[in-house]
């Protein structure tokens, strides 16, 4: 049977369409003849996830999203069919989390369950969710920020009133003066420290001299015969004691002088007579001393 040119062209077109379909499926990460396991993930919001979105577990690509079915009667019930490499065993409790990178590429991240012995079977359904991310967390904080805005306005108004108070400016001026005084004091302390550092060698030299004199004095004290000195002191004290005993006794001149009142009165009378004699001698010296140019004259 001879094929016409039209048939040949039609066959080439069909083969091209098939190859194009296979190539597109390959570029999407899908294969026509795959032995992967199929699971279902239930979402309330897919946030840009599309068929052919990659699926990762611990950062490694393990599958692809096959298709997404939207339930129009229940808008919060979106089921995604996912194809997972059959070599990956997913424990029960595994969840699927939609994430996106800085470039906006959406992917599905599997969070594997805790028990590796209790395994899901092909066709089971897992729960899906959306990772908040930085933008999501910021959006969640917006209501709280809105509630805080009136308080912030009140705080700012109070701060403005406080700053407008003249006492604040005066306080700041006083702080400037205190800072200047502290700077001046610090400069004076530095000068004092420098002066002390300069005088320190001389002071240490004088201290060494004082220590040397102290050592010499100590050596002199050590060289004193303490026993002999104490013996002399005892002898002197004994003599003083004997003198004291002699004064206290009624024997001897000093003792009689201190204890005999008659002797005191006699001495006092003698001194009085001597005083009278001296007075009479001064008043009448002729009675006691005679001078004559021509010789002695008898009276």
Protein backbone atom coordinates (compact mmCIF):
# COMPACT_ATOMS: atom_id res chain seq x y z
CA UNK A 1 0.00 0.00 0.00
CA UNK A 2 1.41 3.24 -1.14
CA UNK A 3 1.06 6.17 1.25
CA UNK A 4 0.21 9.47 -0.20
CA UNK A 5 1.98 12.65 0.78
CA UNK A 6 -1.07 13.80 2.71
CA UNK A 7 -1.02 10.66 4.88
CA UNK A 8 2.69 11.01 5.49
CA UNK A 9 2.22 14.63 6.57
CA UNK A 10 -0.63 13.61 8.88
CA UNK A 11 1.47 10.86 10.50
CA UNK A 12 4.39 13.24 11.04
CA UNK A 13 2.04 15.78 12.60
CA UNK A 14 0.55 13.16 14.94
CA UNK A 15 4.03 11.96 16.01
CA UNK A 16 5.10 15.57 16.57
CA UNK A 17 2.05 16.28 18.71
CA UNK A 18 2.71 13.15 20.79
CA UNK A 19 6.37 14.05 21.24
CA UNK A 20 5.42 17.63 22.16
CA UNK A 21 2.94 16.36 24.77
CA UNK A 22 5.53 14.00 26.22
CA UNK A 23 8.12 16.78 26.30
CA UNK A 24 5.76 19.17 28.07
CA UNK A 25 4.92 16.51 30.63
CA UNK A 26 8.63 15.88 31.17
CA UNK A 27 9.34 19.57 31.62
CA UNK A 28 6.55 19.72 34.18
CA UNK A 29 8.14 16.84 36.09
CA UNK A 30 5.47 14.34 35.05
CA UNK A 31 5.98 11.04 33.32
CA UNK A 32 3.51 9.00 31.35
CA UNK A 33 4.76 5.65 32.54
CA UNK A 34 5.43 6.17 36.24
CA UNK A 35 5.42 3.74 39.17
CA UNK A 36 5.12 6.54 41.78
CA UNK A 37 2.53 6.36 44.57
CA UNK A 38 -0.42 8.74 44.55
CA UNK A 39 -1.70 10.52 47.65
CA UNK A 40 -4.17 13.31 48.33
CA UNK A 41 -3.58 16.54 50.23
CA UNK A 42 -6.51 18.59 51.53
CA UNK A 43 -6.20 22.41 51.66
CA UNK A 44 -8.45 25.34 52.45
CA UNK A 45 -6.23 27.67 50.38
CA UNK A 46 -3.59 26.64 47.83
CA UNK A 47 -2.06 30.18 47.52
CA UNK A 48 -0.68 29.93 44.00
CA UNK A 49 0.18 26.23 43.98
CA UNK A 50 -0.42 24.73 40.54
CA UNK A 51 -0.16 21.31 38.93
CA UNK A 52 3.49 20.41 38.34
CA UNK A 53 4.59 22.23 41.50
CA UNK A 54 7.52 20.39 43.01
CA UNK A 55 7.23 18.45 46.27
CA UNK A 56 10.18 18.34 48.70
CA UNK A 57 10.99 16.36 51.83
CA UNK A 58 13.85 17.68 53.95
CA UNK A 59 14.89 19.88 51.02
CA UNK A 60 15.04 17.01 48.49
CA UNK A 61 12.62 16.73 45.57
CA UNK A 62 10.50 13.59 46.01
CA UNK A 63 7.48 14.21 43.80
CA UNK A 64 5.20 16.58 41.95
CA UNK A 65 1.63 17.90 42.21
CA UNK A 66 -0.40 15.97 39.65
CA UNK A 67 -3.64 17.95 39.71
CA UNK A 68 -5.78 20.20 41.90
CA UNK A 69 -9.54 19.73 42.32
CA UNK A 70 -11.65 22.64 43.57
CA UNK A 71 -14.96 21.82 45.30
CA UNK A 72 -17.33 24.63 44.33
CA UNK A 73 -19.90 23.51 46.90
CA UNK A 74 -17.29 23.73 49.64
CA UNK A 75 -14.76 26.42 48.72
CA UNK A 76 -12.61 25.59 51.74
CA UNK A 77 -12.18 22.00 50.53
CA UNK A 78 -9.44 21.84 47.86
CA UNK A 79 -7.90 18.46 47.13
CA UNK A 80 -4.53 18.13 45.44
CA UNK A 81 -3.42 14.85 43.91
CA UNK A 82 0.30 14.41 44.57
CA UNK A 83 2.65 11.86 43.12
CA UNK A 84 5.44 10.70 45.46
CA UNK A 85 8.44 8.53 44.70
CA UNK A 86 7.55 5.01 45.82
CA UNK A 87 10.88 4.73 47.64
CA UNK A 88 9.67 7.34 50.15
CA UNK A 89 7.66 5.90 53.02
CA UNK A 90 5.49 8.57 54.62
CA UNK A 91 4.57 7.97 58.29
CA UNK A 92 1.09 8.76 59.53
CA UNK A 93 0.83 12.33 60.77
CA UNK A 94 2.69 13.67 57.72
CA UNK A 95 1.47 17.06 56.52
CA UNK A 96 2.02 19.14 53.39
CA UNK A 97 3.00 22.79 53.72
CA UNK A 98 2.86 25.30 50.89
CA UNK A 99 5.95 27.55 50.88
CA UNK A 100 7.39 30.14 48.54
CA UNK A 101 10.89 31.54 48.10
CA UNK A 102 11.97 35.16 47.60
CA UNK A 103 11.40 34.85 43.84
CA UNK A 104 7.79 33.78 44.36
CA UNK A 105 8.28 30.14 43.32
CA UNK A 106 5.67 27.99 45.10
CA UNK A 107 6.50 24.49 46.28
CA UNK A 108 5.08 21.87 48.59
CA UNK A 109 7.13 20.81 51.61
CA UNK A 110 6.33 17.50 53.32
CA UNK A 111 6.58 17.47 57.13
CA UNK A 112 7.07 13.77 57.89
CA UNK A 113 5.30 12.20 60.85
CA UNK A 114 7.07 11.08 64.03
CA UNK A 115 6.52 7.29 63.87
CA UNK A 116 8.43 5.64 60.97
CA UNK A 117 6.80 2.27 61.69
CA UNK A 118 3.21 3.44 61.07
CA UNK A 119 3.23 4.10 57.30
CA UNK A 120 0.62 5.66 55.01
CA UNK A 121 -0.53 3.60 52.06
CA UNK A 122 -1.06 4.88 48.56
CA UNK A 123 -4.36 6.75 48.20
CA UNK A 124 -4.41 8.11 51.80
CA UNK A 125 -5.18 11.76 52.46
CA UNK A 126 -2.92 14.11 54.39
CA UNK A 127 -3.60 17.59 55.73
CA UNK A 128 -2.21 20.63 54.01
CA UNK A 129 -1.47 24.14 55.24
CA UNK A 130 0.30 27.33 54.24
CA UNK A 131 3.57 28.44 55.77
CA UNK A 132 3.17 31.91 57.21
CA UNK A 133 6.58 33.26 56.24
CA UNK A 134 7.78 36.74 57.08
CA UNK A 135 5.01 38.47 55.15
CA UNK A 136 2.35 36.27 56.73
CA UNK A 137 3.64 36.97 60.22
CA UNK A 138 3.74 40.68 59.42
CA UNK A 139 0.14 40.52 58.19
CA UNK A 140 -0.91 38.72 61.39
CA UNK A 141 0.62 41.53 63.41
CA UNK A 142 -1.32 44.26 61.58
CA UNK A 143 -4.46 44.04 63.82
CA UNK A 144 -2.33 44.31 66.95
CA UNK A 145 -0.49 47.29 65.48
CA UNK A 146 -3.81 48.95 64.67
CA UNK A 147 -4.92 48.51 68.28
CA UNK A 148 -1.66 50.04 69.48
CA UNK A 149 -1.84 53.12 67.25
CA UNK A 150 -4.19 55.16 69.54
CA UNK A 151 -1.93 54.41 72.50
CA UNK A 152 1.11 55.40 70.47
CA UNK A 153 -0.56 58.69 69.56
CA UNK A 154 -1.30 59.36 73.24
CA UNK A 155 2.28 58.49 74.20
CA UNK A 156 3.72 60.73 71.50
CA UNK A 157 1.48 63.61 72.60
CA UNK A 158 2.67 63.15 76.21
CA UNK A 159 6.29 63.07 75.04
CA UNK A 160 5.79 66.28 73.05
CA UNK A 161 4.25 68.00 76.07
CA UNK A 162 7.14 66.81 78.22
CA UNK A 163 9.72 68.05 75.75
CA UNK A 164 7.99 71.42 75.56
CA UNK A 165 8.38 71.90 79.32
CA UNK A 166 11.03 74.63 80.02
CA UNK A 167 12.29 72.56 82.94
CA UNK A 168 13.58 69.96 80.48
CA UNK A 169 15.68 72.55 78.66
CA UNK A 170 16.96 73.85 82.00
CA UNK A 171 17.82 70.33 83.07
CA UNK A 172 19.68 69.73 79.82
CA UNK A 173 21.58 73.00 80.36
CA UNK A 174 22.46 71.90 83.90
CA UNK A 175 23.61 68.56 82.55
CA UNK A 176 25.89 70.40 80.12
CA UNK A 177 27.36 72.42 82.98
CA UNK A 178 27.84 69.28 85.07
CA UNK A 179 29.55 67.61 82.13
CA UNK A 180 31.85 70.60 81.72
CA UNK A 181 32.66 70.54 85.44
CA UNK A 182 33.38 66.84 85.26
CA UNK A 183 35.66 67.42 82.30
CA UNK A 184 37.52 70.14 84.23
CA UNK A 185 37.79 67.91 87.29
CA UNK A 186 39.07 65.06 85.16
CA UNK A 187 41.71 67.37 83.66
CA UNK A 188 42.79 68.49 87.14
CA UNK A 189 42.95 64.89 88.32
CA UNK A 190 45.15 64.06 85.35
CA UNK A 191 47.46 66.94 86.22
CA UNK A 192 47.55 65.85 89.86
CA UNK A 193 48.30 62.29 88.81
CA UNK A 194 51.12 63.50 86.55
CA UNK A 195 52.55 65.61 89.41
CA UNK A 196 52.38 62.66 91.78
CA UNK A 197 54.10 60.47 89.22
CA UNK A 198 56.90 63.02 88.96
CA UNK A 199 57.27 63.38 92.74
CA UNK A 200 56.92 59.69 93.45
CA UNK A 201 60.65 58.86 92.98
CA UNK A 202 61.64 61.60 95.46
CA UNK A 203 59.00 60.46 97.93
CA UNK A 204 60.19 56.88 97.60
CA UNK A 205 63.80 58.04 98.11
CA UNK A 206 62.80 59.91 101.30
CA UNK A 207 60.85 56.90 102.46
CA UNK A 208 63.94 54.74 101.91
CA UNK A 209 65.96 57.27 103.98
CA UNK A 210 63.40 57.13 106.78
CA UNK A 211 63.49 53.34 106.69
CA UNK A 212 67.27 53.41 106.81
CA UNK A 213 67.21 55.77 109.82
CA UNK A 214 64.66 53.53 111.49
CA UNK A 215 66.90 50.54 110.92
CA UNK A 216 69.88 52.43 112.38
CA UNK A 217 67.82 53.46 115.41
CA UNK A 218 66.67 49.88 115.82
CA UNK A 219 70.26 48.64 115.65
CA UNK A 220 71.23 51.24 118.29
CA UNK A 221 68.41 50.10 120.54
CA UNK A 222 69.52 46.54 120.04
CA UNK A 223 73.10 47.46 120.95
CA UNK A 224 72.03 48.97 124.32
CA UNK A 225 72.78 46.76 127.30
CA UNK A 226 69.30 46.66 128.69
CA UNK A 227 70.28 44.58 131.72
CA UNK A 228 73.03 46.99 132.75
CA UNK A 229 70.79 49.99 132.16
CA UNK A 230 68.00 48.50 134.22
CA UNK A 231 70.50 47.68 136.97
CA UNK A 232 71.60 51.32 137.08
CA UNK A 233 67.99 52.45 137.11
CA UNK A 234 67.30 50.11 140.04
CA UNK A 235 70.34 51.47 141.89
CA UNK A 236 69.19 55.06 141.29
CA UNK A 237 65.70 54.24 142.50
CA UNK A 238 67.22 52.59 145.60
CA UNK A 239 69.22 55.76 146.34
CA UNK A 240 66.10 57.86 145.87
CA UNK A 241 64.27 55.55 148.24
CA UNK A 242 67.03 55.91 150.86
CA UNK A 243 66.93 59.70 150.53
CA UNK A 244 63.16 59.64 150.90
CA UNK A 245 63.45 57.45 153.99
CA UNK A 246 66.04 59.83 155.48
CA UNK A 247 63.77 62.80 154.87
CA UNK A 248 60.85 60.98 156.43
CA UNK A 249 62.86 60.04 159.55
CA UNK A 250 63.46 62.49 162.47
CA UNK A 251 67.16 61.77 162.48
CA UNK A 252 69.67 63.99 160.71
CA UNK A 253 69.49 67.65 159.82
CA UNK A 254 67.05 67.31 156.92
CA UNK A 255 64.78 65.04 158.90
CA UNK A 256 64.80 67.34 161.92
CA UNK A 257 64.30 70.34 159.63
CA UNK A 258 61.22 68.70 158.11
CA UNK A 259 59.77 67.29 161.37
CA UNK A 260 60.99 69.59 164.27
CA UNK A 261 58.93 72.84 164.29
CA UNK A 262 61.13 74.36 166.99
CA UNK A 263 64.11 74.17 164.67
CA UNK A 264 62.00 75.88 162.01
CA UNK A 265 61.03 78.68 164.35
CA UNK A 266 64.63 79.09 165.56
CA UNK A 267 65.85 79.34 161.99
CA UNK A 268 63.06 81.78 161.27
CA UNK A 269 64.02 83.89 164.35
CA UNK A 270 67.68 83.81 163.33
CA UNK A 271 66.81 84.96 159.85
CA UNK A 272 64.65 87.74 161.32
CA UNK A 273 67.49 88.91 163.59
CA UNK A 274 69.93 88.81 160.67
CA UNK A 275 67.50 90.86 158.65
CA UNK A 276 67.20 93.44 161.44
CA UNK A 277 70.98 93.54 161.76
CA UNK A 278 71.39 94.23 158.04
CA UNK A 279 68.79 97.00 158.22
CA UNK A 280 70.53 98.63 161.24
CA UNK A 281 73.89 98.22 159.49
CA UNK A 282 72.60 100.10 156.50
CA UNK A 283 71.04 102.84 158.64
CA UNK A 284 73.92 103.25 161.18
CA UNK A 285 77.11 101.99 159.63
CA UNK A 286 79.15 104.15 162.03
CA UNK A 287 78.21 101.93 164.90
CA UNK A 288 80.01 99.01 163.39
CA UNK A 289 82.78 100.43 161.18
CA UNK A 290 85.15 103.32 162.24
CA UNK A 291 87.50 105.17 159.88
CA UNK A 292 89.88 107.89 161.02
CA UNK A 293 92.53 109.78 159.14
CA UNK A 294 94.52 110.54 162.35
CA UNK A 295 94.21 107.21 164.02
CA UNK A 296 91.76 105.35 166.16
CA UNK A 297 89.72 107.34 168.63
CA UNK A 298 88.64 105.67 171.81
CA UNK A 299 85.10 106.09 172.91
